[in-house]
PDB file of all heavy atoms in Angstrom:
ATOM      1  N   ARG A   1      63.067 187.371 118.971  1.00  0.00           N
ATOM      2  CA  ARG A   1      64.046 188.455 119.105  1.00  0.00           C
ATOM      3  C   ARG A   1      63.564 189.739 118.436  1.00  0.00           C
ATOM      4  O   ARG A   1      63.983 190.832 118.805  1.00  0.00           O
ATOM      5  CB  ARG A   1      65.382 188.000 118.494  1.00  0.00           C
ATOM      6  CG  ARG A   1      66.511 188.958 118.634  1.00  0.00           C
ATOM      7  CD  ARG A   1      66.959 189.080 120.084  1.00  0.00           C
ATOM      8  NE  ARG A   1      68.091 189.978 120.188  1.00  0.00           N
ATOM      9  CZ  ARG A   1      68.026 191.220 120.642  1.00  0.00           C
ATOM     10  NH1 ARG A   1      66.888 191.716 121.039  1.00  0.00           N
ATOM     11  NH2 ARG A   1      69.095 191.968 120.709  1.00  0.00           N
ATOM     12  N   THR A   2      62.657 189.633 117.473  1.00  0.00           N
ATOM     13  CA  THR A   2      62.141 190.818 116.793  1.00  0.00           C
ATOM     14  C   THR A   2      61.052 191.528 117.605  1.00  0.00           C
ATOM     15  O   THR A   2      60.632 192.617 117.227  1.00  0.00           O
ATOM     16  CB  THR A   2      61.564 190.461 115.407  1.00  0.00           C
ATOM     17  OG1 THR A   2      60.456 189.579 115.580  1.00  0.00           O
ATOM     18  CG2 THR A   2      62.626 189.815 114.537  1.00  0.00           C
ATOM     19  N   LEU A   3      60.595 190.923 118.690  1.00  0.00           N
ATOM     20  CA  LEU A   3      59.535 191.525 119.493  1.00  0.00           C
ATOM     21  C   LEU A   3      60.031 192.654 120.386  1.00  0.00           C
ATOM     22  O   LEU A   3      59.243 193.445 120.882  1.00  0.00           O
ATOM     23  CB  LEU A   3      58.859 190.461 120.373  1.00  0.00           C
ATOM     24  CG  LEU A   3      58.137 189.336 119.653  1.00  0.00           C
ATOM     25  CD1 LEU A   3      57.571 188.358 120.660  1.00  0.00           C
ATOM     26  CD2 LEU A   3      57.039 189.883 118.765  1.00  0.00           C
ATOM     27  N   TYR A   4      61.342 192.721 120.615  1.00  0.00           N
ATOM     28  CA  TYR A   4      61.879 193.729 121.519  1.00  0.00           C
ATOM     29  C   TYR A   4      63.243 194.210 121.037  1.00  0.00           C
ATOM     30  O   TYR A   4      63.873 193.607 120.178  1.00  0.00           O
ATOM     31  CB  TYR A   4      62.016 193.175 122.944  1.00  0.00           C
ATOM     32  CG  TYR A   4      62.960 192.002 123.060  1.00  0.00           C
ATOM     33  CD1 TYR A   4      64.301 192.204 123.348  1.00  0.00           C
ATOM     34  CD2 TYR A   4      62.508 190.705 122.885  1.00  0.00           C
ATOM     35  CE1 TYR A   4      65.170 191.142 123.454  1.00  0.00           C
ATOM     36  CE2 TYR A   4      63.374 189.636 122.999  1.00  0.00           C
ATOM     37  CZ  TYR A   4      64.695 189.858 123.290  1.00  0.00           C
ATOM     38  OH  TYR A   4      65.558 188.806 123.389  1.00  0.00           O
ATOM     39  N   GLU A   5      63.661 195.315 121.632  1.00  0.00           N
ATOM     40  CA  GLU A   5      64.995 195.859 121.374  1.00  0.00           C
ATOM     41  C   GLU A   5      65.606 196.184 122.734  1.00  0.00           C
ATOM     42  O   GLU A   5      65.002 196.900 123.534  1.00  0.00           O
ATOM     43  CB  GLU A   5      64.898 197.116 120.522  1.00  0.00           C
ATOM     44  CG  GLU A   5      66.233 197.720 120.180  1.00  0.00           C
ATOM     45  CD  GLU A   5      66.092 198.943 119.297  1.00  0.00           C
ATOM     46  OE1 GLU A   5      65.027 199.126 118.679  1.00  0.00           O
ATOM     47  OE2 GLU A   5      67.054 199.711 119.240  1.00  0.00           O
ATOM     48  N   GLU A   6      66.781 195.648 122.985  1.00  0.00           N
ATOM     49  CA  GLU A   6      67.461 195.906 124.255  1.00  0.00           C
ATOM     50  C   GLU A   6      68.208 197.233 124.164  1.00  0.00           C
ATOM     51  O   GLU A   6      68.823 197.543 123.138  1.00  0.00           O
ATOM     52  CB  GLU A   6      68.433 194.773 124.561  1.00  0.00           C
ATOM     53  CG  GLU A   6      69.103 194.908 125.906  1.00  0.00           C
ATOM     54  CD  GLU A   6      70.000 193.738 126.239  1.00  0.00           C
ATOM     55  OE1 GLU A   6      70.278 192.918 125.352  1.00  0.00           O
ATOM     56  OE2 GLU A   6      70.433 193.665 127.388  1.00  0.00           O
ATOM     57  N   THR A   7      68.165 198.028 125.230  1.00  0.00           N
ATOM     58  CA  THR A   7      68.879 199.297 125.230  1.00  0.00           C
ATOM     59  C   THR A   7      70.385 199.046 125.262  1.00  0.00           C
ATOM     60  O   THR A   7      70.844 198.003 125.711  1.00  0.00           O
ATOM     61  CB  THR A   7      68.477 200.164 126.445  1.00  0.00           C
ATOM     62  OG1 THR A   7      68.837 199.475 127.635  1.00  0.00           O
ATOM     63  CG2 THR A   7      66.996 200.465 126.443  1.00  0.00           C
ATOM     64  N   GLU A   8      71.142 200.018 124.771  1.00  0.00           N
ATOM     65  CA  GLU A   8      72.602 199.874 124.693  1.00  0.00           C
ATOM     66  C   GLU A   8      73.227 199.755 126.070  1.00  0.00           C
ATOM     67  O   GLU A   8      74.144 198.968 126.285  1.00  0.00           O
ATOM     68  CB  GLU A   8      73.203 201.055 123.936  1.00  0.00           C
ATOM     69  CG  GLU A   8      72.850 201.071 122.468  1.00  0.00           C
ATOM     70  CD  GLU A   8      73.446 202.271 121.751  1.00  0.00           C
ATOM     71  OE1 GLU A   8      74.380 202.896 122.313  1.00  0.00           O
ATOM     72  OE2 GLU A   8      72.982 202.570 120.654  1.00  0.00           O
ATOM     73  N   GLU A   9      72.722 200.529 127.027  1.00  0.00           N
ATOM     74  CA  GLU A   9      73.298 200.471 128.378  1.00  0.00           C
ATOM     75  C   GLU A   9      73.031 199.121 129.033  1.00  0.00           C
ATOM     76  O   GLU A   9      73.875 198.603 129.761  1.00  0.00           O
ATOM     77  CB  GLU A   9      72.759 201.605 129.242  1.00  0.00           C
ATOM     78  CG  GLU A   9      71.260 201.556 129.467  1.00  0.00           C
ATOM     79  CD  GLU A   9      70.733 202.755 130.220  1.00  0.00           C
ATOM     80  OE1 GLU A   9      71.377 203.811 130.177  1.00  0.00           O
ATOM     81  OE2 GLU A   9      69.664 202.618 130.845  1.00  0.00           O
ATOM     82  N   SER A  10      71.889 198.533 128.760  1.00  0.00           N
ATOM     83  CA  SER A  10      71.569 197.223 129.304  1.00  0.00           C
ATOM     84  C   SER A  10      72.482 196.156 128.726  1.00  0.00           C
ATOM     85  O   SER A  10      73.007 195.307 129.445  1.00  0.00           O
ATOM     86  CB  SER A  10      70.108 196.873 129.002  1.00  0.00           C
ATOM     87  OG  SER A  10      69.832 195.536 129.333  1.00  0.00           O
ATOM     88  N   ALA A  11      72.700 196.197 127.418  1.00  0.00           N
ATOM     89  CA  ALA A  11      73.575 195.222 126.768  1.00  0.00           C
ATOM     90  C   ALA A  11      75.003 195.358 127.289  1.00  0.00           C
ATOM     91  O   ALA A  11      75.684 194.364 127.556  1.00  0.00           O
ATOM     92  CB  ALA A  11      73.533 195.403 125.255  1.00  0.00           C
ATOM     93  N   ALA A  12      75.478 196.608 127.449  1.00  0.00           N
ATOM     94  CA  ALA A  12      76.838 196.837 127.956  1.00  0.00           C
ATOM     95  C   ALA A  12      76.979 196.327 129.387  1.00  0.00           C
ATOM     96  O   ALA A  12      77.988 195.707 129.746  1.00  0.00           O
ATOM     97  CB  ALA A  12      77.177 198.314 127.878  1.00  0.00           C
ATOM     98  N   ALA A  13      75.971 196.565 130.216  1.00  0.00           N
ATOM     99  CA  ALA A  13      76.025 196.112 131.609  1.00  0.00           C
ATOM    100  C   ALA A  13      76.020 194.591 131.701  1.00  0.00           C
ATOM    101  O   ALA A  13      76.750 194.005 132.509  1.00  0.00           O
ATOM    102  CB  ALA A  13      74.838 196.687 132.394  1.00  0.00           C
ATOM    103  N   ARG A  14      75.215 193.938 130.855  1.00  0.00           N
ATOM    104  CA  ARG A  14      75.183 192.473 130.870  1.00  0.00           C
ATOM    105  C   ARG A  14      76.513 191.891 130.386  1.00  0.00           C
ATOM    106  O   ARG A  14      76.995 190.891 130.919  1.00  0.00           O
ATOM    107  CB  ARG A  14      74.033 191.943 130.009  1.00  0.00           C
ATOM    108  CG  ARG A  14      72.694 192.049 130.683  1.00  0.00           C
ATOM    109  CD  ARG A  14      71.566 191.342 129.967  1.00  0.00           C
ATOM    110  NE  ARG A  14      71.587 191.441 128.525  1.00  0.00           N
ATOM    111  CZ  ARG A  14      71.992 190.462 127.702  1.00  0.00           C
ATOM    112  NH1 ARG A  14      72.409 189.332 128.177  1.00  0.00           N
ATOM    113  NH2 ARG A  14      71.954 190.635 126.396  1.00  0.00           N
ATOM    114  N   GLU A  15      77.116 192.513 129.378  1.00  0.00           N
ATOM    115  CA  GLU A  15      78.427 192.057 128.895  1.00  0.00           C
ATOM    116  C   GLU A  15      79.496 192.213 129.974  1.00  0.00           C
ATOM    117  O   GLU A  15      80.336 191.337 130.150  1.00  0.00           O
ATOM    118  CB  GLU A  15      78.833 192.827 127.637  1.00  0.00           C
ATOM    119  CG  GLU A  15      78.050 192.434 126.410  1.00  0.00           C
ATOM    120  CD  GLU A  15      78.320 191.006 125.974  1.00  0.00           C
ATOM    121  OE1 GLU A  15      79.464 190.536 126.106  1.00  0.00           O
ATOM    122  OE2 GLU A  15      77.374 190.358 125.512  1.00  0.00           O
ATOM    123  N   ALA A  16      79.482 193.348 130.682  1.00  0.00           N
ATOM    124  CA  ALA A  16      80.456 193.580 131.752  1.00  0.00           C
ATOM    125  C   ALA A  16      80.273 192.564 132.875  1.00  0.00           C
ATOM    126  O   ALA A  16      81.253 192.052 133.431  1.00  0.00           O
ATOM    127  CB  ALA A  16      80.311 194.997 132.290  1.00  0.00           C
ATOM    128  N   GLN A  17      79.027 192.256 133.194  1.00  0.00           N
ATOM    129  CA  GLN A  17      78.748 191.271 134.235  1.00  0.00           C
ATOM    130  C   GLN A  17      79.217 189.887 133.810  1.00  0.00           C
ATOM    131  O   GLN A  17      79.786 189.139 134.605  1.00  0.00           O
ATOM    132  CB  GLN A  17      77.250 191.256 134.543  1.00  0.00           C
ATOM    133  CG  GLN A  17      76.881 190.382 135.710  1.00  0.00           C
ATOM    134  CD  GLN A  17      75.394 190.377 135.978  1.00  0.00           C
ATOM    135  OE1 GLN A  17      74.588 190.609 135.069  1.00  0.00           O
ATOM    136  NE2 GLN A  17      75.017 190.100 137.202  1.00  0.00           N
ATOM    137  N   ALA A  18      79.020 189.530 132.555  1.00  0.00           N
ATOM    138  CA  ALA A  18      79.468 188.233 132.047  1.00  0.00           C
ATOM    139  C   ALA A  18      80.990 188.145 132.068  1.00  0.00           C
ATOM    140  O   ALA A  18      81.563 187.101 132.427  1.00  0.00           O
ATOM    141  CB  ALA A  18      78.942 188.008 130.635  1.00  0.00           C
ATOM    142  N   ALA A  19      81.673 189.235 131.718  1.00  0.00           N
ATOM    143  CA  ALA A  19      83.136 189.245 131.740  1.00  0.00           C
ATOM    144  C   ALA A  19      83.651 189.108 133.170  1.00  0.00           C
ATOM    145  O   ALA A  19      84.629 188.389 133.420  1.00  0.00           O
ATOM    146  CB  ALA A  19      83.659 190.532 131.113  1.00  0.00           C
ATOM    147  N   ALA A  20      82.997 189.770 134.107  1.00  0.00           N
ATOM    148  CA  ALA A  20      83.406 189.666 135.511  1.00  0.00           C
ATOM    149  C   ALA A  20      83.207 188.245 136.033  1.00  0.00           C
ATOM    150  O   ALA A  20      84.032 187.739 136.805  1.00  0.00           O
ATOM    151  CB  ALA A  20      82.607 190.653 136.359  1.00  0.00           C
ATOM    152  N   ARG A  21      82.128 187.595 135.614  1.00  0.00           N
ATOM    153  CA  ARG A  21      81.889 186.202 136.034  1.00  0.00           C
ATOM    154  C   ARG A  21      82.961 185.277 135.480  1.00  0.00           C
ATOM    155  O   ARG A  21      83.406 184.350 136.152  1.00  0.00           O
ATOM    156  CB  ARG A  21      80.518 185.731 135.556  1.00  0.00           C
ATOM    157  CG  ARG A  21      79.423 185.918 136.553  1.00  0.00           C
ATOM    158  CD  ARG A  21      78.180 185.106 136.189  1.00  0.00           C
ATOM    159  NE  ARG A  21      77.848 185.089 134.790  1.00  0.00           N
ATOM    160  CZ  ARG A  21      77.017 185.927 134.189  1.00  0.00           C
ATOM    161  NH1 ARG A  21      76.440 186.867 134.874  1.00  0.00           N
ATOM    162  NH2 ARG A  21      76.763 185.821 132.911  1.00  0.00           N
ATOM    163  N   ARG A  22      83.376 185.508 134.229  1.00  0.00           N
ATOM    164  CA  ARG A  22      84.402 184.664 133.619  1.00  0.00           C
ATOM    165  C   ARG A  22      85.743 184.824 134.325  1.00  0.00           C
ATOM    166  O   ARG A  22      86.503 183.868 134.451  1.00  0.00           O
ATOM    167  CB  ARG A  22      84.556 184.993 132.140  1.00  0.00           C
ATOM    168  CG  ARG A  22      83.498 184.372 131.255  1.00  0.00           C
ATOM    169  CD  ARG A  22      83.874 184.484 129.798  1.00  0.00           C
ATOM    170  NE  ARG A  22      83.989 185.859 129.336  1.00  0.00           N
ATOM    171  CZ  ARG A  22      82.995 186.595 128.862  1.00  0.00           C
ATOM    172  NH1 ARG A  22      81.791 186.080 128.766  1.00  0.00           N
ATOM    173  NH2 ARG A  22      83.196 187.833 128.463  1.00  0.00           N
ATOM    174  N   LEU A  23      86.052 186.049 134.766  1.00  0.00           N
ATOM    175  CA  LEU A  23      87.332 186.317 135.390  1.00  0.00           C
ATOM    176  C   LEU A  23      87.390 185.942 136.869  1.00  0.00           C
ATOM    177  O   LEU A  23      88.469 185.762 137.414  1.00  0.00           O
ATOM    178  CB  LEU A  23      87.697 187.800 135.229  1.00  0.00           C
ATOM    179  CG  LEU A  23      87.949 188.262 133.803  1.00  0.00           C
ATOM    180  CD1 LEU A  23      88.178 189.757 133.776  1.00  0.00           C
ATOM    181  CD2 LEU A  23      89.138 187.531 133.205  1.00  0.00           C
ATOM    182  N   SER A  24      86.254 185.860 137.505  1.00  0.00           N
ATOM    183  CA  SER A  24      86.248 185.551 138.928  1.00  0.00           C
ATOM    184  C   SER A  24      86.577 184.079 139.163  1.00  0.00           C
ATOM    185  O   SER A  24      86.314 183.214 138.328  1.00  0.00           O
ATOM    186  CB  SER A  24      84.893 185.880 139.548  1.00  0.00           C
ATOM    187  OG  SER A  24      83.919 184.985 139.078  1.00  0.00           O
ATOM    188  N   ARG A  25      87.166 183.823 140.298  1.00  0.00           N
ATOM    189  CA  ARG A  25      87.528 182.451 140.634  1.00  0.00           C
ATOM    190  C   ARG A  25      86.292 181.715 141.123  1.00  0.00           C
ATOM    191  O   ARG A  25      85.461 182.277 141.830  1.00  0.00           O
ATOM    192  CB  ARG A  25      88.596 182.461 141.712  1.00  0.00           C
ATOM    193  CG  ARG A  25      89.898 183.077 141.197  1.00  0.00           C
ATOM    194  CD  ARG A  25      90.906 183.247 142.272  1.00  0.00           C
ATOM    195  NE  ARG A  25      91.236 181.966 142.874  1.00  0.00           N
ATOM    196  CZ  ARG A  25      92.030 181.835 143.924  1.00  0.00           C
ATOM    197  NH1 ARG A  25      92.562 182.894 144.473  1.00  0.00           N
ATOM    198  NH2 ARG A  25      92.293 180.646 144.416  1.00  0.00           N
ATOM    199  N   PRO A  26      86.164 180.448 140.801  1.00  0.00           N
ATOM    200  CA  PRO A  26      85.005 179.690 141.266  1.00  0.00           C
ATOM    201  C   PRO A  26      85.046 179.491 142.774  1.00  0.00           C
ATOM    202  O   PRO A  26      86.114 179.517 143.392  1.00  0.00           O
ATOM    203  CB  PRO A  26      85.121 178.358 140.521  1.00  0.00           C
ATOM    204  CG  PRO A  26      86.534 178.261 140.108  1.00  0.00           C
ATOM    205  CD  PRO A  26      87.036 179.665 139.953  1.00  0.00           C
ATOM    206  N   LEU A  27      83.886 179.294 143.352  1.00  0.00           N
ATOM    207  CA  LEU A  27      83.761 179.090 144.782  1.00  0.00           C
ATOM    208  C   LEU A  27      84.545 177.849 145.204  1.00  0.00           C
ATOM    209  O   LEU A  27      84.393 176.781 144.621  1.00  0.00           O
ATOM    210  CB  LEU A  27      82.284 178.920 145.152  1.00  0.00           C
ATOM    211  CG  LEU A  27      81.960 178.860 146.624  1.00  0.00           C
ATOM    212  CD1 LEU A  27      82.337 180.192 147.283  1.00  0.00           C
ATOM    213  CD2 LEU A  27      80.494 178.594 146.830  1.00  0.00           C
ATOM    214  N   GLY A  28      85.412 177.992 146.191  1.00  0.00           N
ATOM    215  CA  GLY A  28      86.198 176.867 146.686  1.00  0.00           C
ATOM    216  C   GLY A  28      87.534 176.716 145.991  1.00  0.00           C
ATOM    217  O   GLY A  28      88.284 175.791 146.302  1.00  0.00           O
ATOM    218  N   ALA A  29      87.878 177.613 145.077  1.00  0.00           N
ATOM    219  CA  ALA A  29      89.146 177.498 144.356  1.00  0.00           C
ATOM    220  C   ALA A  29      90.327 177.750 145.283  1.00  0.00           C
ATOM    221  O   ALA A  29      91.429 177.274 145.036  1.00  0.00           O
ATOM    222  CB  ALA A  29      89.181 178.467 143.192  1.00  0.00           C
TER     223      ALA A  29
END
């Protein structure tokens, strides 16, 4: 983890994508 630093916009976009996945209904629901 010390080899790199993730940009703030990248971290925010990944968090938003993870939240959208959690809120979406599973396939076949």
